[in-house]
Amino acid sequence: MLGVHGRKPVKKFVEPVAGAMLRLGLTPNVVTLAGTAIAVLLTVVLIPTNHLVSAAILIALFSAFDMVDGTMARLRGGGTAYGATLDASCDRITDGALFAAIAMWMVYVDGAHPAHVAACLTVLVLSQVISYIKARGEAGGLKIVGGLVERPERLIVALLGLGLEGFGVPHAVEVSIWLLVVGSAFTVVQRLMYAHRDPQANVTLAPPPGA
C-alpha cells in the first residue's frame, strides 16, 4: 500500500540525499549493499541484546536507503536489471534478519509463549512469500501491484512494536507480530487473487529448459 502511494510525499527529502551521494561518487549498488550490511548488523546486535528503542530508530534510518538507491538510479537515467535484482534480494535479507532477531529476543530475553515465537516465524515466511508472488507473477507477465501489507507497512509495524516495547509498553512486540500475521496472510491471498484476475493469467508458458 505505502509502496505504491507513499513514495511521492518523501520524494523531496530523498532526492537531495541521493544527489549528494552521487556527487560523492557512490553508485546505487554500493548504497544498497552498505545499507543492507549496516541494517543487518544493527538488527542482529541490538534486538537480541534488548536495545529495542535504539534498534527501532537506527534500523528505520538505514532501511530508508531502500528509497535512496532507487532514487540515485533514477537520477542517473535509470536503473539496471542487476541493480533491481540486487535491491530485491537485499530487502529479503534484511526482512529475514529482522524477524529472526525478534524471534531470538522473544525466546532469550522476553521468555515469550511459543505461540508468539511461531507467529514471528510465520511473519518471516509470509514476508518472503508476499514478495515472491509479485516477482514470480511479473516474470510470467502478470501485473501485481499493491497489497495491504507490503514491505514499508511490515517495517513500520514491526519497528513501532519494538520501540513501544522499549519504552515500557507491555506486549507491544507480540501485538505487532500478530497484526502482521493477519495482515500478511491476507496480503498473500490478495496478491494471488490479483494474479488470478490478470488478463494474462491463463496464457500458456513455454516449458523451462531441459523439461
Protein backbone atom coordinates (compact mmCIF):
# COMPACT_ATOMS: atom_id res chain seq x y z
CA MET A 1 0.00 0.00 0.00
CA LEU A 2 2.65 2.53 1.04
CA GLY A 3 4.94 1.05 -1.56
CA VAL A 4 2.55 2.40 -4.19
CA HIS A 5 1.25 5.62 -2.59
CA GLY A 6 3.95 6.57 -0.10
CA ARG A 7 6.88 7.43 -2.32
CA LYS A 8 5.70 10.78 -3.65
CA PRO A 9 5.40 12.53 -0.23
CA VAL A 10 9.00 11.61 0.72
CA LYS A 11 10.46 12.40 -2.69
CA LYS A 12 11.52 15.92 -1.73
CA PHE A 13 13.53 14.54 1.21
CA VAL A 14 15.11 11.60 -0.58
CA GLU A 15 16.22 13.31 -3.79
CA PRO A 16 18.72 15.73 -2.13
CA VAL A 17 20.32 12.83 -0.24
CA ALA A 18 20.50 10.73 -3.40
CA GLY A 19 22.01 13.64 -5.33
CA ALA A 20 24.64 14.21 -2.63
CA MET A 21 25.66 10.55 -2.70
CA LEU A 22 26.03 10.62 -6.48
CA ARG A 23 28.25 13.69 -6.19
CA LEU A 24 30.42 11.76 -3.73
CA GLY A 25 30.94 9.15 -6.42
CA LEU A 26 28.82 6.43 -4.85
CA THR A 27 26.76 4.10 -7.01
CA PRO A 28 23.25 2.82 -6.26
CA ASN A 29 24.54 -0.73 -5.86
CA VAL A 30 27.16 0.33 -3.31
CA VAL A 31 24.48 2.18 -1.32
CA THR A 32 22.22 -0.89 -1.48
CA LEU A 33 24.95 -3.17 -0.13
CA ALA A 34 26.11 -0.71 2.52
CA GLY A 35 22.59 -0.03 3.77
CA THR A 36 21.83 -3.74 3.93
CA ALA A 37 25.04 -4.62 5.76
CA ILE A 38 24.55 -1.91 8.38
CA ALA A 39 20.83 -2.66 8.86
CA VAL A 40 21.51 -6.39 9.35
CA LEU A 41 24.38 -5.69 11.77
CA LEU A 42 22.21 -3.35 13.84
CA THR A 43 19.38 -5.87 13.80
CA VAL A 44 21.33 -8.91 14.98
CA VAL A 45 23.26 -6.94 17.62
CA LEU A 46 20.69 -4.57 19.13
CA ILE A 47 17.46 -6.57 19.20
CA PRO A 48 18.69 -9.78 20.89
CA THR A 49 20.55 -7.65 23.46
CA ASN A 50 17.31 -5.80 24.33
CA HIS A 51 18.30 -2.37 22.99
CA LEU A 52 14.88 -2.05 21.38
CA VAL A 53 14.47 1.73 21.11
CA SER A 54 17.91 2.16 19.57
CA ALA A 55 17.20 -0.73 17.23
CA ALA A 56 13.88 0.73 16.08
CA ILE A 57 15.35 4.17 15.36
CA LEU A 58 18.58 3.06 13.68
CA ILE A 59 17.05 0.25 11.63
CA ALA A 60 14.38 2.67 10.37
CA LEU A 61 17.09 5.14 9.39
CA PHE A 62 19.18 2.66 7.44
CA SER A 63 16.14 0.96 5.91
CA ALA A 64 15.45 4.31 4.25
CA PHE A 65 18.42 3.55 1.98
CA ASP A 66 15.95 1.34 0.13
CA MET A 67 14.45 4.55 -1.29
CA VAL A 68 17.76 6.36 -1.72
CA ASP A 69 19.40 3.79 -4.00
CA GLY A 70 16.40 3.66 -6.32
CA THR A 71 16.29 7.46 -6.49
CA MET A 72 20.01 7.52 -7.27
CA ALA A 73 19.43 5.12 -10.15
CA ARG A 74 16.62 7.28 -11.49
CA LEU A 75 18.70 10.45 -11.27
CA ARG A 76 21.46 8.71 -13.24
CA GLY A 77 19.00 7.98 -16.03
CA GLY A 78 17.51 4.67 -14.94
CA GLY A 79 18.31 1.50 -13.04
CA THR A 80 19.61 -1.80 -14.36
CA ALA A 81 18.19 -5.30 -14.24
CA TYR A 82 21.05 -6.36 -11.97
CA GLY A 83 20.51 -3.38 -9.67
CA ALA A 84 16.83 -4.23 -9.29
CA THR A 85 17.68 -7.88 -8.57
CA LEU A 86 20.31 -6.88 -6.01
CA ASP A 87 17.93 -4.46 -4.30
CA ALA A 88 15.12 -7.00 -4.05
CA SER A 89 17.49 -9.69 -2.76
CA CYS A 90 18.91 -7.37 -0.11
CA ASP A 91 15.38 -6.49 1.02
CA ARG A 92 14.70 -10.16 1.63
CA ILE A 93 17.91 -10.48 3.65
CA THR A 94 17.08 -7.52 5.90
CA ASP A 95 13.49 -8.72 6.41
CA GLY A 96 14.70 -12.19 7.35
CA ALA A 97 17.29 -10.80 9.76
CA LEU A 98 14.72 -8.53 11.42
CA PHE A 99 12.15 -11.20 12.21
CA ALA A 100 14.78 -13.79 13.11
CA ALA A 101 16.25 -11.30 15.60
CA ILE A 102 12.79 -10.57 17.03
CA ALA A 103 12.23 -14.31 17.44
CA MET A 104 15.56 -14.55 19.29
CA TRP A 105 14.53 -11.68 21.56
CA MET A 106 11.24 -13.39 22.29
CA VAL A 107 12.96 -16.65 23.24
CA TYR A 108 16.04 -15.48 25.11
CA VAL A 109 15.00 -12.10 26.57
CA ASP A 110 11.23 -11.92 26.80
CA GLY A 111 10.51 -15.57 27.58
CA ALA A 112 7.53 -15.35 25.24
CA HIS A 113 4.98 -18.12 24.83
CA PRO A 114 5.92 -20.49 21.98
CA ALA A 115 2.81 -19.36 20.08
CA HIS A 116 4.25 -15.84 19.81
CA VAL A 117 7.56 -17.19 18.56
CA ALA A 118 5.74 -19.32 16.00
CA ALA A 119 3.79 -16.24 14.89
CA CYS A 120 7.03 -14.33 14.40
CA LEU A 121 8.50 -17.11 12.28
CA THR A 122 5.24 -17.19 10.32
CA VAL A 123 5.65 -13.48 9.54
CA LEU A 124 9.21 -14.18 8.39
CA VAL A 125 7.96 -16.81 5.93
CA LEU A 126 4.94 -14.79 4.76
CA SER A 127 7.10 -11.72 4.13
CA GLN A 128 9.17 -13.76 1.68
CA VAL A 129 6.07 -15.27 0.06
CA ILE A 130 4.45 -11.85 -0.46
CA SER A 131 7.50 -10.65 -2.35
CA TYR A 132 7.89 -13.90 -4.25
CA ILE A 133 4.32 -13.83 -5.57
CA LYS A 134 4.97 -10.43 -7.10
CA ALA A 135 8.35 -11.40 -8.55
CA ARG A 136 7.16 -14.74 -9.99
CA GLY A 137 3.95 -13.26 -11.31
CA GLU A 138 5.74 -10.44 -13.08
CA ALA A 139 8.23 -12.92 -14.52
CA GLY A 140 5.22 -14.65 -16.09
CA GLY A 141 3.85 -11.40 -17.49
CA LEU A 142 1.30 -10.65 -14.77
CA LYS A 143 0.81 -7.24 -13.18
CA ILE A 144 0.71 -7.46 -9.39
CA VAL A 145 0.74 -4.04 -7.76
CA GLY A 146 0.00 -3.18 -4.14
CA GLY A 147 -1.40 -5.13 -1.25
CA LEU A 148 -2.44 -4.48 2.32
CA VAL A 149 0.92 -5.26 3.94
CA GLU A 150 3.91 -4.54 1.73
CA ARG A 151 7.46 -4.05 2.96
CA PRO A 152 7.01 -0.46 4.25
CA GLU A 153 3.96 -1.42 6.34
CA ARG A 154 5.77 -4.51 7.62
CA LEU A 155 8.76 -2.46 8.78
CA ILE A 156 6.64 0.29 10.32
CA VAL A 157 4.51 -2.12 12.36
CA ALA A 158 7.48 -4.24 13.50
CA LEU A 159 9.70 -1.27 14.41
CA LEU A 160 6.83 0.52 16.13
CA GLY A 161 6.25 -2.58 18.25
CA LEU A 162 9.94 -2.72 19.15
CA GLY A 163 10.06 0.96 20.03
CA LEU A 164 6.95 0.86 22.20
CA GLU A 165 8.19 -2.25 23.99
CA GLY A 166 11.50 -0.50 24.60
CA PHE A 167 9.64 2.43 26.16
CA GLY A 168 7.88 0.05 28.54
CA VAL A 169 4.60 -0.75 26.77
CA PRO A 170 3.99 -4.41 27.66
CA HIS A 171 3.40 -6.96 24.88
CA ALA A 172 3.84 -4.33 22.14
CA VAL A 173 6.09 -6.64 20.13
CA GLU A 174 3.67 -9.56 20.40
CA VAL A 175 0.73 -7.37 19.33
CA SER A 176 2.67 -6.05 16.33
CA ILE A 177 3.64 -9.58 15.31
CA TRP A 178 0.07 -10.89 15.45
CA LEU A 179 -1.13 -7.89 13.46
CA LEU A 180 1.46 -8.76 10.85
CA VAL A 181 0.41 -12.42 10.81
CA VAL A 182 -3.15 -11.47 9.96
CA GLY A 183 -2.24 -8.69 7.55
CA SER A 184 0.44 -10.73 5.79
CA ALA A 185 -1.79 -13.76 5.36
CA PHE A 186 -4.46 -11.51 3.88
CA THR A 187 -1.89 -9.97 1.52
CA VAL A 188 -0.76 -13.38 0.28
CA VAL A 189 -4.35 -14.23 -0.68
CA GLN A 190 -4.85 -10.72 -2.06
CA ARG A 191 -1.84 -10.94 -4.37
CA LEU A 192 -2.78 -14.42 -5.55
CA MET A 193 -6.20 -13.02 -6.46
CA TYR A 194 -4.55 -10.16 -8.36
CA ALA A 195 -2.58 -12.79 -10.29
CA HIS A 196 -5.67 -14.94 -10.91
CA ARG A 197 -7.67 -11.99 -12.26
CA ASP A 198 -4.95 -10.67 -14.56
CA PRO A 199 -5.88 -10.90 -18.28
CA GLN A 200 -2.66 -12.85 -18.88
CA ALA A 201 -3.31 -15.34 -16.07
CA ASN A 202 -4.19 -18.26 -18.35
CA VAL A 203 -1.58 -17.69 -21.06
CA THR A 204 0.39 -20.87 -21.67
CA LEU A 205 4.05 -20.56 -20.73
CA ALA A 206 6.92 -22.24 -22.54
CA PRO A 207 8.42 -25.18 -20.59
CA PRO A 208 11.65 -24.48 -18.74
CA PRO A 209 14.96 -25.53 -20.35
CA GLY A 210 15.55 -29.24 -20.02
CA ALA A 211 11.90 -30.08 -19.42
